[in-house]
C-alpha atoms as a PDB file:
ATOM      1  CA  MET A   1      44.859  59.383 -15.606  1.00  0.00           C
ATOM      2  CA  THR A   2      41.132  59.066 -16.082  1.00  0.00           C
ATOM      3  CA  GLN A   3      39.381  61.552 -13.797  1.00  0.00           C
ATOM      4  CA  ASN A   4      35.921  60.046 -13.898  1.00  0.00           C
ATOM      5  CA  ILE A   5      36.051  56.722 -12.029  1.00  0.00           C
ATOM      6  CA  ALA A   6      35.861  55.867  -8.318  1.00  0.00           C
ATOM      7  CA  ALA A   7      36.420  52.328  -7.042  1.00  0.00           C
ATOM      8  CA  ILE A   8      34.620  50.811  -4.067  1.00  0.00           C
ATOM      9  CA  ILE A   9      36.342  47.857  -2.391  1.00  0.00           C
ATOM     10  CA  LEU A  10      34.821  45.930   0.518  1.00  0.00           C
ATOM     11  CA  THR A  11      37.325  44.430   2.926  1.00  0.00           C
ATOM     12  CA  TYR A  12      37.752  42.240   5.969  1.00  0.00           C
ATOM     13  CA  ASN A  13      41.244  40.880   6.648  1.00  0.00           C
ATOM     14  CA  GLU A  14      42.395  41.266   3.044  1.00  0.00           C
ATOM     15  CA  ALA A  15      46.087  41.911   3.682  1.00  0.00           C
ATOM     16  CA  LYS A  16      47.022  39.222   1.115  1.00  0.00           C
ATOM     17  CA  HIS A  17      45.073  40.917  -1.668  1.00  0.00           C
ATOM     18  CA  ILE A  18      44.488  44.619  -1.136  1.00  0.00           C
ATOM     19  CA  GLU A  19      47.794  45.928  -2.506  1.00  0.00           C
ATOM     20  CA  ARG A  20      47.474  43.856  -5.691  1.00  0.00           C
ATOM     21  CA  CYS A  21      43.900  45.053  -6.166  1.00  0.00           C
ATOM     22  CA  ILE A  22      44.701  48.735  -5.711  1.00  0.00           C
ATOM     23  CA  ALA A  23      47.829  48.505  -7.879  1.00  0.00           C
ATOM     24  CA  SER A  24      45.691  47.249 -10.770  1.00  0.00           C
ATOM     25  CA  ILE A  25      43.167  50.124 -10.584  1.00  0.00           C
ATOM     26  CA  LYS A  26      45.062  53.161  -9.319  1.00  0.00           C
ATOM     27  CA  ASP A  27      46.004  54.379 -12.803  1.00  0.00           C
ATOM     28  CA  VAL A  28      42.396  54.401 -14.005  1.00  0.00           C
ATOM     29  CA  CYS A  29      40.540  55.366 -10.834  1.00  0.00           C
ATOM     30  CA  ARG A  30      40.945  58.814  -9.397  1.00  0.00           C
ATOM     31  CA  GLU A  31      39.271  57.813  -6.161  1.00  0.00           C
ATOM     32  CA  ILE A  32      39.592  54.482  -4.314  1.00  0.00           C
ATOM     33  CA  PHE A  33      37.347  53.951  -1.291  1.00  0.00           C
ATOM     34  CA  VAL A  34      37.843  50.948   0.947  1.00  0.00           C
ATOM     35  CA  ILE A  35      34.835  50.021   3.092  1.00  0.00           C
ATOM     36  CA  ASP A  36      36.219  47.908   5.923  1.00  0.00           C
ATOM     37  CA  SER A  37      34.134  45.885   8.351  1.00  0.00           C
ATOM     38  CA  GLY A  38      36.656  45.672  11.185  1.00  0.00           C
ATOM     39  CA  SER A  39      39.804  44.008   9.851  1.00  0.00           C
ATOM     40  CA  THR A  40      42.199  42.745  12.542  1.00  0.00           C
ATOM     41  CA  ASP A  41      45.179  42.437  10.203  1.00  0.00           C
ATOM     42  CA  ASP A  42      47.035  45.169   8.279  1.00  0.00           C
ATOM     43  CA  THR A  43      44.357  45.643   5.606  1.00  0.00           C
ATOM     44  CA  GLN A  44      43.575  49.290   6.414  1.00  0.00           C
ATOM     45  CA  GLU A  45      47.215  50.366   6.677  1.00  0.00           C
ATOM     46  CA  LEU A  46      48.212  48.515   3.503  1.00  0.00           C
ATOM     47  CA  ALA A  47      45.281  50.025   1.619  1.00  0.00           C
ATOM     48  CA  MET A  48      46.316  53.580   2.466  1.00  0.00           C
ATOM     49  CA  LYS A  49      49.958  52.814   1.692  1.00  0.00           C
ATOM     50  CA  ALA A  50      48.959  51.359  -1.702  1.00  0.00           C
ATOM     51  CA  GLY A  51      47.038  54.506  -2.658  1.00  0.00           C
ATOM     52  CA  ALA A  52      43.498  54.300  -1.299  1.00  0.00           C
ATOM     53  CA  THR A  53      41.771  57.676  -1.086  1.00  0.00           C
ATOM     54  CA  GLN A  54      40.046  56.787   2.174  1.00  0.00           C
ATOM     55  CA  VAL A  55      39.237  53.810   4.393  1.00  0.00           C
ATOM     56  CA  LEU A  56      35.799  53.925   6.004  1.00  0.00           C
ATOM     57  CA  TYR A  57      34.394  51.567   8.629  1.00  0.00           C
ATOM     58  CA  HIS A  58      30.894  50.064   8.537  1.00  0.00           C
ATOM     59  CA  LYS A  59      29.551  47.054  10.421  1.00  0.00           C
ATOM     60  CA  TRP A  60      28.881  44.074   8.155  1.00  0.00           C
ATOM     61  CA  LYS A  61      25.386  42.755   7.458  1.00  0.00           C
ATOM     62  CA  ASN A  62      25.692  41.452   3.923  1.00  0.00           C
ATOM     63  CA  TYR A  63      27.456  42.392   0.703  1.00  0.00           C
ATOM     64  CA  ALA A  64      24.599  44.416  -0.756  1.00  0.00           C
ATOM     65  CA  THR A  65      24.004  46.643   2.275  1.00  0.00           C
ATOM     66  CA  GLN A  66      27.762  47.133   2.741  1.00  0.00           C
ATOM     67  CA  PHE A  67      28.325  48.174  -0.883  1.00  0.00           C
ATOM     68  CA  ASN A  68      25.286  50.469  -0.973  1.00  0.00           C
ATOM     69  CA  TRP A  69      26.389  52.072   2.308  1.00  0.00           C
ATOM     70  CA  GLY A  70      29.727  52.858   0.685  1.00  0.00           C
ATOM     71  CA  LEU A  71      27.998  54.208  -2.397  1.00  0.00           C
ATOM     72  CA  GLU A  72      25.899  56.555  -0.253  1.00  0.00           C
ATOM     73  CA  ASN A  73      28.472  57.573   2.372  1.00  0.00           C
ATOM     74  CA  ALA A  74      31.885  57.667   0.699  1.00  0.00           C
ATOM     75  CA  PRO A  75      32.673  61.204  -0.537  1.00  0.00           C
ATOM     76  CA  ILE A  76      32.659  60.199  -4.201  1.00  0.00           C
ATOM     77  CA  THR A  77      33.062  62.982  -6.747  1.00  0.00           C
ATOM     78  CA  ALA A  78      33.808  60.856  -9.845  1.00  0.00           C
ATOM     79  CA  GLU A  79      31.116  60.303 -12.428  1.00  0.00           C
ATOM     80  CA  TRP A  80      31.595  56.535 -12.627  1.00  0.00           C
ATOM     81  CA  VAL A  81      31.853  53.835  -9.950  1.00  0.00           C
ATOM     82  CA  TRP A  82      33.783  50.573 -10.316  1.00  0.00           C
ATOM     83  CA  ARG A  83      32.777  47.583  -8.163  1.00  0.00           C
ATOM     84  CA  ILE A  84      35.778  45.417  -7.461  1.00  0.00           C
ATOM     85  CA  ASP A  85      36.442  42.920  -4.667  1.00  0.00           C
ATOM     86  CA  ALA A  86      39.683  42.946  -2.724  1.00  0.00           C
ATOM     87  CA  ASP A  87      40.735  39.548  -4.082  1.00  0.00           C
ATOM     88  CA  GLU A  88      40.183  40.679  -7.663  1.00  0.00           C
ATOM     89  CA  TYR A  89      42.452  42.611  -9.995  1.00  0.00           C
ATOM     90  CA  LEU A  90      42.237  44.092 -13.479  1.00  0.00           C
ATOM     91  CA  THR A  91      44.352  42.980 -16.392  1.00  0.00           C
ATOM     92  CA  THR A  92      46.161  45.834 -18.091  1.00  0.00           C
ATOM     93  CA  SER A  93      44.019  45.247 -21.183  1.00  0.00           C
ATOM     94  CA  LEU A  94      40.800  45.845 -19.275  1.00  0.00           C
ATOM     95  CA  ALA A  95      42.140  48.877 -17.440  1.00  0.00           C
ATOM     96  CA  GLY A  96      43.204  50.425 -20.750  1.00  0.00           C
ATOM     97  CA  ALA A  97      39.925  49.566 -22.471  1.00  0.00           C
ATOM     98  CA  ILE A  98      37.824  51.155 -19.720  1.00  0.00           C
ATOM     99  CA  GLU A  99      40.016  54.238 -19.684  1.00  0.00           C
ATOM    100  CA  GLU A 100      39.574  54.737 -23.415  1.00  0.00           C
ATOM    101  CA  LEU A 101      35.826  54.064 -23.244  1.00  0.00           C
ATOM    102  CA  VAL A 102      35.220  56.561 -20.445  1.00  0.00           C
ATOM    103  CA  LYS A 103      37.156  59.204 -22.419  1.00  0.00           C
ATOM    104  CA  SER A 104      35.205  58.519 -25.591  1.00  0.00           C
ATOM    105  CA  ASP A 105      32.062  60.191 -26.927  1.00  0.00           C
ATOM    106  CA  LYS A 106      30.155  56.897 -26.637  1.00  0.00           C
ATOM    107  CA  LEU A 107      29.351  57.524 -22.967  1.00  0.00           C
ATOM    108  CA  LYS A 108      28.233  61.130 -23.274  1.00  0.00           C
ATOM    109  CA  ILE A 109      24.859  61.870 -21.694  1.00  0.00           C
ATOM    110  CA  LYS A 110      22.098  61.860 -24.319  1.00  0.00           C
ATOM    111  CA  ASN A 111      18.678  61.248 -22.838  1.00  0.00           C
ATOM    112  CA  LEU A 112      17.146  59.127 -20.060  1.00  0.00           C
ATOM    113  CA  GLU A 113      16.615  56.026 -22.212  1.00  0.00           C
ATOM    114  CA  ASP A 114      19.611  56.031 -24.560  1.00  0.00           C
ATOM    115  CA  THR A 115      22.485  57.142 -22.319  1.00  0.00           C
ATOM    116  CA  VAL A 116      24.965  54.378 -21.502  1.00  0.00           C
ATOM    117  CA  ASN A 117      25.024  54.148 -17.709  1.00  0.00           C
ATOM    118  CA  GLY A 118      26.578  50.712 -17.220  1.00  0.00           C
ATOM    119  CA  ILE A 119      29.557  48.751 -18.522  1.00  0.00           C
ATOM    120  CA  TYR A 120      29.762  44.956 -18.570  1.00  0.00           C
ATOM    121  CA  VAL A 121      33.230  43.406 -18.267  1.00  0.00           C
ATOM    122  CA  ARG A 122      34.547  39.865 -18.570  1.00  0.00           C
ATOM    123  CA  LYS A 123      35.137  38.027 -15.285  1.00  0.00           C
ATOM    124  CA  ARG A 124      37.727  35.279 -14.979  1.00  0.00           C
ATOM    125  CA  ILE A 125      38.239  32.973 -11.993  1.00  0.00           C
ATOM    126  CA  ASP A 126      41.735  31.715 -11.191  1.00  0.00           C
ATOM    127  CA  TYR A 127      41.681  28.748  -8.792  1.00  0.00           C
ATOM    128  CA  LEU A 128      44.865  27.574  -7.083  1.00  0.00           C
ATOM    129  CA  GLY A 129      46.886  29.415  -9.686  1.00  0.00           C
ATOM    130  CA  ARG A 130      45.031  28.214 -12.808  1.00  0.00           C
ATOM    131  CA  PRO A 131      42.481  30.129 -14.869  1.00  0.00           C
ATOM    132  CA  LEU A 132      39.196  28.228 -15.154  1.00  0.00           C
ATOM    133  CA  LEU A 133      38.398  28.515 -18.839  1.00  0.00           C
ATOM    134  CA  HIS A 134      35.839  25.726 -19.161  1.00  0.00           C
ATOM    135  CA  GLY A 135      32.755  24.402 -17.436  1.00  0.00           C
ATOM    136  CA  GLY A 136      30.728  27.499 -18.299  1.00  0.00           C
ATOM    137  CA  TRP A 137      32.777  29.742 -16.027  1.00  0.00           C
ATOM    138  CA  TYR A 138      34.569  31.798 -18.691  1.00  0.00           C
ATOM    139  CA  PRO A 139      33.867  34.252 -20.011  1.00  0.00           C
ATOM    140  CA  GLN A 140      31.131  35.544 -17.731  1.00  0.00           C
ATOM    141  CA  TYR A 141      29.963  39.130 -18.087  1.00  0.00           C
ATOM    142  CA  HIS A 142      29.173  41.279 -15.057  1.00  0.00           C
ATOM    143  CA  LEU A 143      28.042  44.876 -14.784  1.00  0.00           C
ATOM    144  CA  LYS A 144      30.995  46.245 -12.811  1.00  0.00           C
ATOM    145  CA  VAL A 145      31.177  49.906 -13.840  1.00  0.00           C
ATOM    146  CA  PHE A 146      28.190  52.256 -13.676  1.00  0.00           C
ATOM    147  CA  ARG A 147      27.380  55.949 -13.695  1.00  0.00           C
ATOM    148  CA  ARG A 148      27.008  57.276 -10.160  1.00  0.00           C
ATOM    149  CA  GLY A 149      23.390  58.032  -9.266  1.00  0.00           C
ATOM    150  CA  HIS A 150      22.060  55.576 -11.855  1.00  0.00           C
ATOM    151  CA  GLY A 151      22.727  52.237 -10.213  1.00  0.00           C
ATOM    152  CA  ALA A 152      23.193  50.304  -6.971  1.00  0.00           C
ATOM    153  CA  CYS A 153      23.664  46.750  -5.692  1.00  0.00           C
ATOM    154  CA  GLU A 154      20.431  44.768  -5.598  1.00  0.00           C
ATOM    155  CA  ASN A 155      19.276  43.820  -2.124  1.00  0.00           C
ATOM    156  CA  ARG A 156      19.963  40.090  -1.995  1.00  0.00           C
ATOM    157  CA  TRP A 157      21.762  37.800   0.442  1.00  0.00           C
ATOM    158  CA  MET A 158      23.625  35.981  -2.342  1.00  0.00           C
ATOM    159  CA  ASP A 159      24.422  36.427  -6.043  1.00  0.00           C
ATOM    160  CA  GLU A 160      23.840  40.164  -5.833  1.00  0.00           C
ATOM    161  CA  HIS A 161      24.420  42.266  -8.970  1.00  0.00           C
ATOM    162  CA  ILE A 162      24.558  45.918  -9.874  1.00  0.00           C
ATOM    163  CA  THR A 163      21.276  47.098 -11.361  1.00  0.00           C
ATOM    164  CA  LEU A 164      20.608  50.353 -13.216  1.00  0.00           C
ATOM    165  CA  THR A 165      17.682  52.675 -12.599  1.00  0.00           C
ATOM    166  CA  ASP A 166      17.753  53.962 -16.179  1.00  0.00           C
ATOM    167  CA  GLY A 167      19.785  54.052 -19.358  1.00  0.00           C
ATOM    168  CA  THR A 168      21.486  51.314 -21.352  1.00  0.00           C
ATOM    169  CA  THR A 169      24.705  49.300 -21.119  1.00  0.00           C
ATOM    170  CA  THR A 170      27.715  48.479 -23.215  1.00  0.00           C
ATOM    171  CA  THR A 171      30.211  45.606 -23.010  1.00  0.00           C
ATOM    172  CA  ILE A 172      34.003  45.397 -23.054  1.00  0.00           C
ATOM    173  CA  ASP A 173      34.488  42.174 -25.012  1.00  0.00           C
ATOM    174  CA  ILE A 174      38.192  42.051 -25.737  1.00  0.00           C
ATOM    175  CA  LYS A 175      40.340  38.940 -25.384  1.00  0.00           C
ATOM    176  CA  GLY A 176      42.409  39.209 -22.217  1.00  0.00           C
ATOM    177  CA  ALA A 177      40.487  42.210 -20.891  1.00  0.00           C
ATOM    178  CA  ASP A 178      39.386  40.533 -17.669  1.00  0.00           C
ATOM    179  CA  GLN A 179      38.474  41.338 -14.100  1.00  0.00           C
ATOM    180  CA  VAL A 180      40.205  38.409 -12.407  1.00  0.00           C
ATOM    181  CA  ASP A 181      39.015  36.744  -9.221  1.00  0.00           C
ATOM    182  CA  ALA A 182      42.210  35.162  -7.838  1.00  0.00           C
ATOM    183  CA  ASN A 183      42.009  34.435  -4.110  1.00  0.00           C
ATOM    184  CA  LEU A 184      45.352  33.555  -2.530  1.00  0.00           C
ATOM    185  CA  ASN A 185      44.076  31.857   0.628  1.00  0.00           C
ATOM    186  CA  ASP A 186      44.378  28.107   1.194  1.00  0.00           C
ATOM    187  CA  LEU A 187      41.736  25.402   0.914  1.00  0.00           C
ATOM    188  CA  THR A 188      40.959  25.453   4.629  1.00  0.00           C
ATOM    189  CA  TRP A 189      40.026  29.146   4.324  1.00  0.00           C
ATOM    190  CA  TRP A 190      38.077  28.428   1.123  1.00  0.00           C
ATOM    191  CA  THR A 191      35.944  25.685   2.693  1.00  0.00           C
ATOM    192  CA  GLU A 192      35.271  27.742   5.824  1.00  0.00           C
ATOM    193  CA  LYS A 193      34.268  30.696   3.652  1.00  0.00           C
ATOM    194  CA  HIS A 194      31.984  28.572   1.530  1.00  0.00           C
ATOM    195  CA  ASN A 195      30.333  27.173   4.640  1.00  0.00           C
ATOM    196  CA  SER A 196      29.296  30.747   5.482  1.00  0.00           C
ATOM    197  CA  TYR A 197      28.312  31.315   1.828  1.00  0.00           C
ATOM    198  CA  ALA A 198      26.149  28.195   2.061  1.00  0.00           C
ATOM    199  CA  THR A 199      24.184  29.749   4.904  1.00  0.00           C
ATOM    200  CA  ARG A 200      23.615  32.924   2.865  1.00  0.00           C
ATOM    201  CA  GLU A 201      22.649  30.833  -0.169  1.00  0.00           C
ATOM    202  CA  MET A 202      20.235  28.840   1.991  1.00  0.00           C
ATOM    203  CA  ILE A 203      18.548  32.067   3.109  1.00  0.00           C
ATOM    204  CA  ASP A 204      18.381  33.381  -0.453  1.00  0.00           C
ATOM    205  CA  MET A 205      16.903  30.176  -1.850  1.00  0.00           C
ATOM    206  CA  LEU A 206      14.302  29.867   0.912  1.00  0.00           C
ATOM    207  CA  MET A 207      13.269  33.487   0.306  1.00  0.00           C
ATOM    208  CA  ILE A 208      12.838  32.722  -3.383  1.00  0.00           C
ATOM    209  CA  GLU A 209      10.937  29.483  -2.695  1.00  0.00           C
ATOM    210  CA  TYR A 210       8.521  31.099  -0.213  1.00  0.00           C
ATOM    211  CA  GLY A 211       8.132  34.370  -2.129  1.00  0.00           C
ATOM    212  CA  ILE A 212       9.551  36.783   0.432  1.00  0.00           C
ATOM    213  CA  ASP A 213      12.251  38.338  -1.747  1.00  0.00           C
ATOM    214  CA  ASP A 214       9.970  40.449  -3.970  1.00  0.00           C
ATOM    215  CA  GLU A 215      11.901  43.623  -3.150  1.00  0.00           C
ATOM    216  CA  ALA A 216      15.082  41.936  -4.367  1.00  0.00           C
ATOM    217  CA  ASN A 217      13.712  40.989  -7.798  1.00  0.00           C
ATOM    218  CA  GLU A 218      15.528  43.834  -9.514  1.00  0.00           C
ATOM    219  CA  ILE A 219      16.945  41.680 -12.282  1.00  0.00           C
ATOM    220  CA  THR A 220      14.406  40.236 -14.710  1.00  0.00           C
ATOM    221  CA  PRO A 221      15.006  36.483 -15.224  1.00  0.00           C
ATOM    222  CA  ARG A 222      15.627  35.846 -18.948  1.00  0.00           C
ATOM    223  CA  PHE A 223      17.311  32.845 -20.492  1.00  0.00           C
ATOM    224  CA  PHE A 224      18.334  34.881 -23.531  1.00  0.00           C
ATOM    225  CA  GLY A 225      19.165  38.033 -21.554  1.00  0.00           C
ATOM    226  CA  THR A 226      22.409  39.284 -20.046  1.00  0.00           C
ATOM    227  CA  GLY A 227      24.657  37.011 -17.988  1.00  0.00           C
ATOM    228  CA  PRO A 228      23.037  38.011 -14.659  1.00  0.00           C
ATOM    229  CA  GLU A 229      19.532  37.721 -16.182  1.00  0.00           C
ATOM    230  CA  ARG A 230      20.304  34.218 -17.474  1.00  0.00           C
ATOM    231  CA  LYS A 231      21.853  33.244 -14.139  1.00  0.00           C
ATOM    232  CA  ARG A 232      18.757  34.470 -12.290  1.00  0.00           C
ATOM    233  CA  TRP A 233      16.465  32.504 -14.684  1.00  0.00           C
ATOM    234  CA  LEU A 234      18.504  29.338 -14.097  1.00  0.00           C
ATOM    235  CA  LYS A 235      18.494  29.886 -10.336  1.00  0.00           C
ATOM    236  CA  LEU A 236      14.692  30.074 -10.275  1.00  0.00           C
ATOM    237  CA  LYS A 237      14.585  26.755 -12.111  1.00  0.00           C
ATOM    238  CA  TYR A 238      17.204  25.322  -9.763  1.00  0.00           C
ATOM    239  CA  VAL A 239      15.197  26.311  -6.677  1.00  0.00           C
ATOM    240  CA  LYS A 240      12.259  24.277  -7.973  1.00  0.00           C
ATOM    241  CA  SER A 241      14.313  21.150  -8.635  1.00  0.00           C
ATOM    242  CA  PRO A 242      14.697  18.300  -6.072  1.00  0.00           C
ATOM    243  CA  LEU A 243      17.014  18.746  -3.096  1.00  0.00           C
ATOM    244  CA  PHE A 244      20.359  16.935  -3.340  1.00  0.00           C
ATOM    245  CA  LEU A 245      19.720  15.595  -6.856  1.00  0.00           C
ATOM    246  CA  ARG A 246      20.332  19.062  -8.272  1.00  0.00           C
ATOM    247  CA  SER A 247      23.872  19.222  -6.855  1.00  0.00           C
ATOM    248  CA  PHE A 248      24.777  15.969  -8.663  1.00  0.00           C
ATOM    249  CA  LEU A 249      23.279  17.243 -11.915  1.00  0.00           C
ATOM    250  CA  ASN A 250      25.092  20.585 -11.599  1.00  0.00           C
ATOM    251  CA  PHE A 251      28.446  18.810 -11.234  1.00  0.00           C
ATOM    252  CA  ILE A 252      27.795  16.487 -14.190  1.00  0.00           C
ATOM    253  CA  LEU A 253      26.654  19.355 -16.387  1.00  0.00           C
ATOM    254  CA  ARG A 254      29.625  21.596 -15.709  1.00  0.00           C
ATOM    255  CA  TYR A 255      32.426  19.079 -15.309  1.00  0.00           C
ATOM    256  CA  ILE A 256      31.497  16.667 -18.087  1.00  0.00           C
ATOM    257  CA  PHE A 257      29.123  18.265 -20.593  1.00  0.00           C
ATOM    258  CA  LYS A 258      30.685  21.754 -20.350  1.00  0.00           C
ATOM    259  CA  ALA A 259      34.185  20.268 -20.349  1.00  0.00           C
ATOM    260  CA  GLY A 260      35.319  21.437 -16.920  1.00  0.00           C
ATOM    261  CA  PHE A 261      37.695  18.447 -16.903  1.00  0.00           C
ATOM    262  CA  LEU A 262      39.881  20.329 -19.408  1.00  0.00           C
ATOM    263  CA  ASP A 263      41.097  22.564 -16.563  1.00  0.00           C
ATOM    264  CA  GLY A 264      43.139  19.773 -15.001  1.00  0.00           C
ATOM    265  CA  LYS A 265      43.419  19.018 -11.289  1.00  0.00           C
ATOM    266  CA  GLN A 266      42.267  22.520 -10.371  1.00  0.00           C
ATOM    267  CA  GLY A 267      39.212  22.043 -12.562  1.00  0.00           C
ATOM    268  CA  LEU A 268      38.387  18.761 -10.841  1.00  0.00           C
ATOM    269  CA  MET A 269      38.767  20.308  -7.382  1.00  0.00           C
ATOM    270  CA  TRP A 270      36.769  23.421  -8.295  1.00  0.00           C
ATOM    271  CA  HIS A 271      33.848  21.582  -9.869  1.00  0.00           C
ATOM    272  CA  PHE A 272      33.700  18.966  -7.125  1.00  0.00           C
ATOM    273  CA  LEU A 273      34.011  21.462  -4.258  1.00  0.00           C
ATOM    274  CA  GLN A 274      32.126  24.423  -5.695  1.00  0.00           C
ATOM    275  CA  GLY A 275      29.773  22.660  -8.087  1.00  0.00           C
ATOM    276  CA  PHE A 276      28.894  19.665  -5.935  1.00  0.00           C
ATOM    277  CA  TRP A 277      30.041  19.843  -2.291  1.00  0.00           C
ATOM    278  CA  TYR A 278      28.998  23.493  -1.812  1.00  0.00           C
ATOM    279  CA  ARG A 279      25.627  22.973  -3.525  1.00  0.00           C
ATOM    280  CA  PHE A 280      25.025  19.784  -1.526  1.00  0.00           C
ATOM    281  CA  LEU A 281      25.813  21.667   1.695  1.00  0.00           C
ATOM    282  CA  VAL A 282      23.288  24.357   0.773  1.00  0.00           C
ATOM    283  CA  ASP A 283      20.638  21.690   0.237  1.00  0.00           C
ATOM    284  CA  ALA A 284      21.523  20.060   3.564  1.00  0.00           C
ATOM    285  CA  LYS A 285      21.061  23.388   5.350  1.00  0.00           C
ATOM    286  CA  ILE A 286      17.708  23.919   3.590  1.00  0.00           C
ATOM    287  CA  TRP A 287      16.586  20.417   4.572  1.00  0.00           C
ATOM    288  CA  GLU A 288      17.668  21.011   8.178  1.00  0.00           C
ATOM    289  CA  ILE A 289      15.590  24.225   8.474  1.00  0.00           C
ATOM    290  CA  LYS A 290      12.537  22.659   6.835  1.00  0.00           C
ATOM    291  CA  ARG A 291      12.746  19.658   9.145  1.00  0.00           C
ATOM    292  CA  GLN A 292      13.243  21.898  12.186  1.00  0.00           C
ATOM    293  CA  PHE A 293       9.963  23.667  11.471  1.00  0.00           C
ATOM    294  CA  ASN A 294       8.138  20.547  10.318  1.00  0.00           C
ATOM    295  CA  TYR A 295       7.977  21.813   6.731  1.00  0.00           C
ATOM    296  CA  ASP A 296       5.606  24.622   7.742  1.00  0.00           C
ATOM    297  CA  PRO A 297       6.094  27.526   5.267  1.00  0.00           C
ATOM    298  CA  GLU A 298       4.705  30.164   7.655  1.00  0.00           C
ATOM    299  CA  ARG A 299       7.013  29.165  10.499  1.00  0.00           C
ATOM    300  CA  ILE A 300       9.978  29.079   8.136  1.00  0.00           C
ATOM    301  CA  LYS A 301       9.173  32.544   6.787  1.00  0.00           C
ATOM    302  CA  GLU A 302       8.768  33.925  10.306  1.00  0.00           C
ATOM    303  CA  TRP A 303      12.111  32.423  11.309  1.00  0.00           C
ATOM    304  CA  ILE A 304      13.860  34.035   8.314  1.00  0.00           C
ATOM    305  CA  ARG A 305      12.325  37.445   9.025  1.00  0.00           C
ATOM    306  CA  SER A 306      13.221  37.248  12.722  1.00  0.00           C
ATOM    307  CA  GLU A 307      16.676  35.666  12.438  1.00  0.00           C
ATOM    308  CA  TYR A 308      17.931  37.894   9.604  1.00  0.00           C
ATOM    309  CA  SER A 309      15.941  41.103  10.213  1.00  0.00           C
ATOM    310  CA  ILE A 310      14.185  40.870   6.852  1.00  0.00           C
END
């Protein structure tokens, strides 16, 4: 067993997923901390039964504050921290690759600039039982493992990533070595969840548009940078594009030009619901707020600061 990794898992009513998640990481993580925001199902009990080191409670505000609270308050002793969501799991290939890497000389501390303090892994999304391998969704690379004390979750309301304070990164780029996002809930749950996501996305995009997220600009937008840097660059361009039209273009780009149609019925449902419907809903919420305040930037900014304690 690797003795240098602690996992942080955020939960709220994750009884369907938590045992699978913990089972996939318990052989490579010495410590597993579950940060629960008040589950009313068996999440906490199942987590402890599956092998969690400790379950801590913290009231939910958003993902970034919840994760960083866990990072600061969980009694972590391991050198490395693994960010994994409850509805995710590791393939055996990825677990083994990380274990070997952490044991290797490659990650030994050298100096402030050259020490590897972060590890990018491949993320795969499984939707209604089918891996989404087209449409630009796979492989995506996310910084999921980082040296404790050298990174944290950036303070955003949506699309938050782990950022490092110093050092360099390396990437696990092995076929089949994936961190898999495979939610087991039904479509009713999915649409309700994405309605709440749309509100968070609306806040995030208005903050970008009106320049009130400067403290959250911890990832430098670069088209030819890392996956998160490219995603941030594209998001800045997306924010400046016309409301409603951009959701149509996003669907056409991913489903047709990036061959999302090759993922069958699940691909069609995913790209229509996530790539079009969800994005259209975000735009509708943005339009509603702008109309409510008569398109006055100062009133909109004041509403965001007041409503969301920013």
